[in-house]
Protein backbone atom coordinates (compact mmCIF):
# COMPACT_ATOMS: atom_id res chain seq x y z
CA MET A 1 -66.94 75.35 -34.93
CA ALA A 2 -68.83 74.84 -31.23
CA SER A 3 -69.14 70.72 -33.09
CA LEU A 4 -65.48 70.76 -33.60
CA THR A 5 -64.53 71.45 -30.16
CA VAL A 6 -67.28 69.16 -28.66
CA GLY A 7 -66.00 66.35 -31.75
CA GLY A 8 -62.21 67.35 -30.57
CA ILE A 9 -62.66 66.51 -26.88
CA PHE A 10 -64.79 63.87 -27.63
CA LEU A 11 -61.89 62.14 -29.04
CA PHE A 12 -59.45 63.34 -26.36
CA PHE A 13 -61.39 61.52 -23.77
CA LEU A 14 -61.59 58.36 -25.97
CA LEU A 15 -57.74 58.31 -25.88
CA VAL A 16 -57.27 58.84 -22.52
CA VAL A 17 -59.24 56.26 -21.66
CA LEU A 18 -58.33 53.11 -24.61
CA THR A 19 -54.49 54.91 -23.07
CA ALA A 20 -55.22 53.95 -19.60
CA GLY A 21 -57.09 50.52 -20.75
CA LEU A 22 -53.28 49.44 -22.17
CA LEU A 23 -51.22 50.18 -19.29
CA ARG A 24 -53.26 48.57 -16.94
CA THR A 25 -53.05 45.16 -18.93
CA GLY A 26 -49.23 45.46 -20.31
CA SER A 27 -51.00 44.23 -23.73
CA VAL A 28 -50.68 45.07 -27.26
CA GLY A 29 -54.21 46.52 -29.14
CA VAL A 30 -57.30 47.03 -27.58
CA PRO A 31 -57.72 45.49 -24.45
CA VAL A 32 -60.74 43.70 -24.88
CA GLY A 33 -60.99 39.32 -25.32
CA ASP A 34 -59.84 36.62 -23.16
CA LYS A 35 -56.27 36.28 -21.53
CA ILE A 36 -53.81 34.18 -19.99
CA GLY A 37 -52.00 35.83 -17.02
CA ILE A 38 -48.49 34.83 -16.56
CA LEU A 39 -46.84 35.25 -12.81
CA GLU A 40 -43.01 35.14 -12.45
CA VAL A 41 -41.24 33.77 -9.58
CA GLU A 42 -37.54 34.59 -10.11
CA GLY A 43 -34.48 33.84 -7.58
CA THR A 44 -34.63 33.89 -3.53
CA ILE A 45 -38.46 34.09 -2.04
CA GLU A 46 -37.81 36.35 0.84
CA ASP A 47 -40.95 38.68 0.24
CA ALA A 48 -44.47 37.61 -0.40
CA ARG A 49 -45.63 41.01 -1.04
CA ARG A 50 -45.30 41.79 -4.97
CA ILE A 51 -46.01 38.38 -6.00
CA LEU A 52 -49.59 38.41 -3.30
CA MET A 53 -50.55 41.60 -5.39
CA GLN A 54 -50.11 40.20 -8.58
CA ILE A 55 -51.91 36.82 -7.68
CA ASP A 56 -54.68 39.36 -6.39
CA ASP A 57 -55.11 41.73 -9.36
CA PHE A 58 -55.47 38.56 -11.89
CA ARG A 59 -57.96 36.73 -10.15
CA GLU A 60 -60.33 39.60 -10.34
CA ARG A 61 -59.26 40.55 -13.75
CA LYS A 62 -62.50 38.84 -15.82
CA ALA A 63 -60.48 39.08 -18.73
CA VAL A 64 -57.55 36.59 -17.43
CA LYS A 65 -58.71 33.25 -17.63
CA ALA A 66 -56.25 31.48 -17.04
CA VAL A 67 -52.61 31.88 -15.28
CA VAL A 68 -49.27 30.93 -16.05
CA LEU A 69 -46.46 30.66 -13.24
CA ARG A 70 -43.24 31.07 -14.56
CA VAL A 71 -41.02 29.52 -11.65
CA ASN A 72 -37.09 30.21 -12.08
CA SER A 73 -36.08 30.05 -8.21
CA PRO A 74 -34.19 27.89 -6.13
CA GLY A 75 -37.10 28.28 -2.86
CA GLY A 76 -36.23 31.10 -0.33
CA ALA A 77 -38.17 31.06 3.18
CA VAL A 78 -40.17 29.39 4.69
CA GLY A 79 -43.03 32.18 5.53
CA PRO A 80 -43.31 34.21 2.36
CA SER A 81 -43.38 30.67 0.37
CA GLN A 82 -46.74 29.09 2.56
CA GLU A 83 -47.86 32.97 1.73
CA ILE A 84 -47.54 32.76 -1.89
CA TYR A 85 -48.82 29.08 -2.01
CA ALA A 86 -51.74 29.48 -0.30
CA GLU A 87 -53.01 32.76 -2.29
CA LEU A 88 -51.98 30.38 -5.59
CA LEU A 89 -54.35 27.77 -4.30
CA ARG A 90 -57.46 30.18 -3.59
CA LEU A 91 -56.50 31.04 -8.05
CA ALA A 92 -56.25 28.10 -9.03
CA ASN A 93 -59.75 27.17 -7.64
CA GLU A 94 -61.39 30.38 -9.47
CA LYS A 95 -58.86 29.63 -12.93
CA PRO A 96 -56.99 27.39 -14.99
CA LEU A 97 -52.91 27.52 -12.75
CA ILE A 98 -50.57 25.77 -15.00
CA VAL A 99 -46.65 26.35 -14.04
CA SER A 100 -43.71 26.44 -16.16
CA MET A 101 -40.43 25.18 -14.17
CA GLY A 102 -37.46 27.86 -15.73
CA SER A 103 -34.02 26.65 -15.39
CA VAL A 104 -34.56 25.65 -11.52
CA ALA A 105 -37.68 25.49 -9.45
CA ALA A 106 -36.19 23.87 -6.01
CA SER A 107 -37.49 23.49 -3.00
CA GLY A 108 -39.86 26.72 -2.12
CA GLY A 109 -40.08 27.05 -5.81
CA TYR A 110 -41.40 23.17 -6.31
CA TYR A 111 -44.07 24.49 -3.45
CA LEU A 112 -44.96 26.89 -5.33
CA ALA A 113 -45.17 25.28 -8.27
CA ILE A 114 -47.40 22.43 -7.19
CA ALA A 115 -50.31 24.60 -6.70
CA GLY A 116 -50.44 24.09 -10.06
CA GLU A 117 -52.77 21.49 -12.01
CA ARG A 118 -50.23 20.65 -14.49
CA LEU A 119 -46.26 21.43 -13.91
CA PHE A 120 -44.38 21.83 -17.09
CA ALA A 121 -40.79 21.19 -16.78
CA ASN A 122 -37.84 21.22 -19.35
CA PRO A 123 -35.75 17.82 -18.87
CA GLY A 124 -32.71 19.89 -17.45
CA THR A 125 -34.75 21.66 -14.84
CA ILE A 126 -33.26 21.12 -10.77
CA THR A 127 -36.41 20.85 -9.10
CA GLY A 128 -37.45 18.41 -5.94
CA SER A 129 -34.93 19.45 -2.81
CA ILE A 130 -38.02 19.05 -0.66
CA GLY A 131 -36.66 20.42 2.74
CA VAL A 132 -35.52 22.34 4.88
CA ILE A 133 -32.42 23.68 6.06
CA MET A 134 -31.05 26.47 8.89
CA SER A 135 -28.19 27.56 9.27
CA PHE A 136 -26.32 29.60 12.47
CA PRO A 137 -22.41 30.63 12.01
CA ASN A 138 -20.80 30.50 15.38
CA TYR A 139 -17.86 33.19 15.88
CA GLN A 140 -16.89 32.07 19.37
CA GLU A 141 -13.03 30.91 18.27
CA LEU A 142 -12.92 33.66 16.30
CA MET A 143 -13.67 36.11 18.66
CA GLY A 144 -11.46 34.01 21.53
CA LYS A 145 -7.68 34.82 19.44
CA VAL A 146 -8.66 38.35 19.30
CA GLY A 147 -10.00 38.75 22.96
CA ILE A 148 -13.91 39.29 22.85
CA GLN A 149 -16.20 38.36 24.75
CA THR A 150 -20.00 38.70 24.87
CA GLU A 151 -21.78 37.87 28.24
CA VAL A 152 -25.50 37.21 28.35
CA VAL A 153 -28.44 37.48 30.51
CA LYS A 154 -31.44 36.12 29.74
CA SER A 155 -34.84 34.40 30.84
CA GLY A 156 -34.39 31.07 29.68
CA ARG A 157 -32.01 28.72 28.68
CA PHE A 158 -33.28 28.42 24.93
CA LYS A 159 -33.51 32.49 24.88
CA ASP A 160 -29.92 32.79 22.84
CA ILE A 161 -30.09 29.66 21.17
CA GLY A 162 -28.40 30.14 17.61
CA SER A 163 -26.10 32.24 19.04
CA SER A 164 -23.25 33.68 17.02
CA THR A 165 -20.98 33.77 20.02
CA ARG A 166 -21.89 30.09 21.97
CA SER A 167 -22.05 26.59 20.79
CA PHE A 168 -24.90 24.43 20.54
CA SER A 169 -25.94 22.11 23.40
CA ALA A 170 -27.74 19.11 23.20
CA ALA A 171 -30.79 20.31 24.27
CA ASP A 172 -30.23 23.53 21.56
CA ARG A 173 -29.78 21.43 18.43
CA GLU A 174 -32.79 18.95 19.70
CA LEU A 175 -34.85 21.64 20.21
CA ILE A 176 -34.16 23.33 16.49
CA GLN A 177 -34.03 19.80 15.18
CA ASP A 178 -38.18 19.28 15.85
CA MET A 179 -38.72 22.67 14.23
CA ILE A 180 -36.78 21.70 11.39
CA ASN A 181 -38.75 18.10 11.30
CA ASP A 182 -41.95 20.19 11.70
CA VAL A 183 -41.55 22.57 9.04
CA HIS A 184 -40.14 19.65 6.67
CA GLN A 185 -43.41 17.52 7.43
CA GLN A 186 -45.77 20.76 6.42
CA PHE A 187 -44.48 21.17 2.94
CA VAL A 188 -44.52 16.32 2.46
CA GLU A 189 -48.13 17.04 3.59
CA ALA A 190 -48.61 19.47 0.68
CA VAL A 191 -46.51 17.72 -2.17
CA SER A 192 -48.18 14.30 -0.91
CA GLU A 193 -52.29 16.23 -1.24
CA GLN A 194 -51.48 18.36 -4.16
CA ARG A 195 -49.74 15.46 -5.91
CA ASP A 196 -51.75 13.05 -5.46
CA MET A 197 -49.25 10.53 -4.05
CA PRO A 198 -49.40 7.95 -0.58
CA MET A 199 -46.58 9.33 1.77
CA GLU A 200 -44.67 5.77 1.95
CA ARG A 201 -44.46 6.38 -2.64
CA LEU A 202 -42.87 9.84 -1.51
CA GLN A 203 -41.05 8.78 1.21
CA PRO A 204 -37.70 8.38 -1.37
CA PHE A 205 -37.97 11.69 -2.63
CA ILE A 206 -38.39 14.14 0.24
CA ASP A 207 -34.76 14.00 2.02
CA GLY A 208 -33.95 17.08 0.12
CA ARG A 209 -32.12 15.31 -3.08
CA ILE A 210 -33.18 17.55 -6.51
CA PHE A 211 -34.16 15.81 -9.25
CA THR A 212 -33.44 16.90 -13.38
CA GLY A 213 -37.47 17.78 -15.03
CA ARG A 214 -37.10 14.00 -16.66
CA GLN A 215 -36.19 12.13 -13.21
CA ALA A 216 -39.16 14.49 -11.69
CA LYS A 217 -41.51 13.39 -14.17
CA ALA A 218 -40.67 9.11 -14.01
CA ALA A 219 -41.21 10.32 -9.88
CA GLY A 220 -44.69 11.65 -9.92
CA LEU A 221 -43.13 15.06 -9.18
CA ILE A 222 -44.17 17.10 -12.18
CA ASP A 223 -46.43 16.00 -15.11
CA GLU A 224 -45.04 17.35 -18.63
CA LEU A 225 -41.69 17.93 -19.88
CA GLY A 226 -42.05 20.88 -21.62
CA THR A 227 -40.88 24.60 -22.79
CA PHE A 228 -43.25 27.92 -21.21
CA ASN A 229 -44.84 27.97 -24.94
CA ASP A 230 -45.89 24.57 -24.21
CA ALA A 231 -47.47 25.80 -20.58
CA VAL A 232 -48.89 28.80 -22.43
CA ASP A 233 -50.43 26.32 -25.40
CA TYR A 234 -52.16 24.54 -22.28
CA ALA A 235 -53.54 26.86 -20.38
CA ALA A 236 -55.34 28.46 -24.16
CA LYS A 237 -57.07 25.10 -24.26
CA VAL A 238 -58.27 24.24 -21.05
CA ALA A 239 -59.35 28.14 -20.94
CA GLY A 240 -60.95 27.72 -23.94
CA VAL A 241 -58.99 30.96 -25.18
CA GLY A 242 -58.30 30.08 -28.77
CA ASP A 243 -54.49 28.50 -30.25
CA ASP A 244 -53.48 32.09 -30.20
CA PRO A 245 -53.77 34.10 -26.78
CA ASP A 246 -52.95 37.06 -25.48
CA LEU A 247 -50.62 37.23 -22.78
CA ILE A 248 -50.67 39.80 -19.77
CA TYR A 249 -48.00 40.46 -17.41
CA PRO A 250 -48.40 42.33 -14.38
CA GLU A 251 -47.30 46.15 -13.72
CA VAL A 252 -43.83 46.37 -12.31
CA GLU A 253 -42.44 49.34 -10.60
CA LYS A 254 -40.63 51.65 -12.71
CA GLU A 255 -36.90 51.39 -11.81
CA ASN A 256 -34.33 54.38 -11.86
CA LEU A 257 -32.43 53.53 -14.70
CA PHE A 258 -28.77 54.67 -13.24
CA GLU A 259 -29.78 52.33 -10.31
CA ARG A 260 -30.60 49.84 -12.48
CA TYR A 261 -27.10 50.37 -14.35
CA LEU A 262 -25.62 50.32 -11.11
CA ARG A 263 -26.76 47.17 -9.64
CA SER A 264 -26.00 45.11 -13.12
CA THR A 265 -22.08 46.62 -13.48
CA ILE A 266 -21.27 45.33 -9.67
CA SER A 267 -23.10 41.96 -9.81
CA HIS A 268 -21.66 41.76 -13.41
CA TYR A 269 -17.95 42.16 -12.65
CA LEU A 270 -18.16 41.61 -8.91
CA GLY A 271 -20.59 39.43 -8.44
CA ILE A 272 -22.07 40.69 -5.31
CA GLU A 273 -25.91 41.35 -5.62
CA LEU A 274 -27.21 44.42 -3.60
CA GLU A 275 -30.45 43.57 -4.10
CA ALA A 276 -29.95 40.44 -1.90
CA LYS A 277 -31.30 40.24 1.81
CA PRO A 278 -30.24 37.76 4.83
CA VAL A 279 -32.74 35.57 4.73
CA ILE A 280 -33.46 34.54 8.78
CA GLY A 281 -35.08 31.37 9.88
CA PRO A 282 -35.62 27.79 8.35
CA GLN A 283 -35.71 28.08 4.21
CA TYR A 284 -37.19 26.11 1.55
CA LEU A 285 -34.07 26.25 0.12
CA TRP A 286 -31.83 24.72 -2.77
CA ASN A 287 -28.48 25.69 -0.83
CA ASN A 288 -25.95 24.95 -3.99
CA PHE A 289 -23.02 27.16 -2.70
């Protein structure tokens, strides 16, 4: 009787350990053997924290022999894009990092992609848009019509630059343009280094223009025309993990079912994205609306 009790306890703890391993890896079957990690960047880049944690996780897992970065993004804020790019470079120095572009991998989305050693895109993928944009609404005329005025006390002439209650001065525009040019140059330098393209060759492609995947390949901005599966197969080959590798995805936070239903319903019928946040400052963003 005692032996059965001990055996039952052993089996119970074995089940707990295996279950924990399955939850940790997110894969089917016993969590052993080599795997390929899948990182997904979807939508506008606004906050780097989630993807940074996922990058760190994959870098530390010994079972993850290569990573495929799936990008489906028009870009976003400069700071988060640069943060993610820097961590992707660290990852790429330790493990093969292969990139698969979805429908859009433009501006900041392309910035992230160039961290990879091999870039795959579909022929119709929209990519490129190597540039920076920053916009400022101006309500001065509207406020004047309804009799609203603002009084500003400031410590210097540029302290309220970008205010929605006054127009840009020539000095304002020059200051902002200089800043935009510097941020743009940072993007261009990264592309030149990662794609091994001299500045003079890259020059025709850095004015914010977009490309199809096929055009981007002709320009040298990507390496291969291919699907997500093609990128996975390539990652498996360079990592030496066989022809049918296990794919592992980062853990995702559990979401309230009602909140998910409400958000998707509002997005579908009203065209309003509840999770969208205003991005402040310069953006590596393909602004298609």
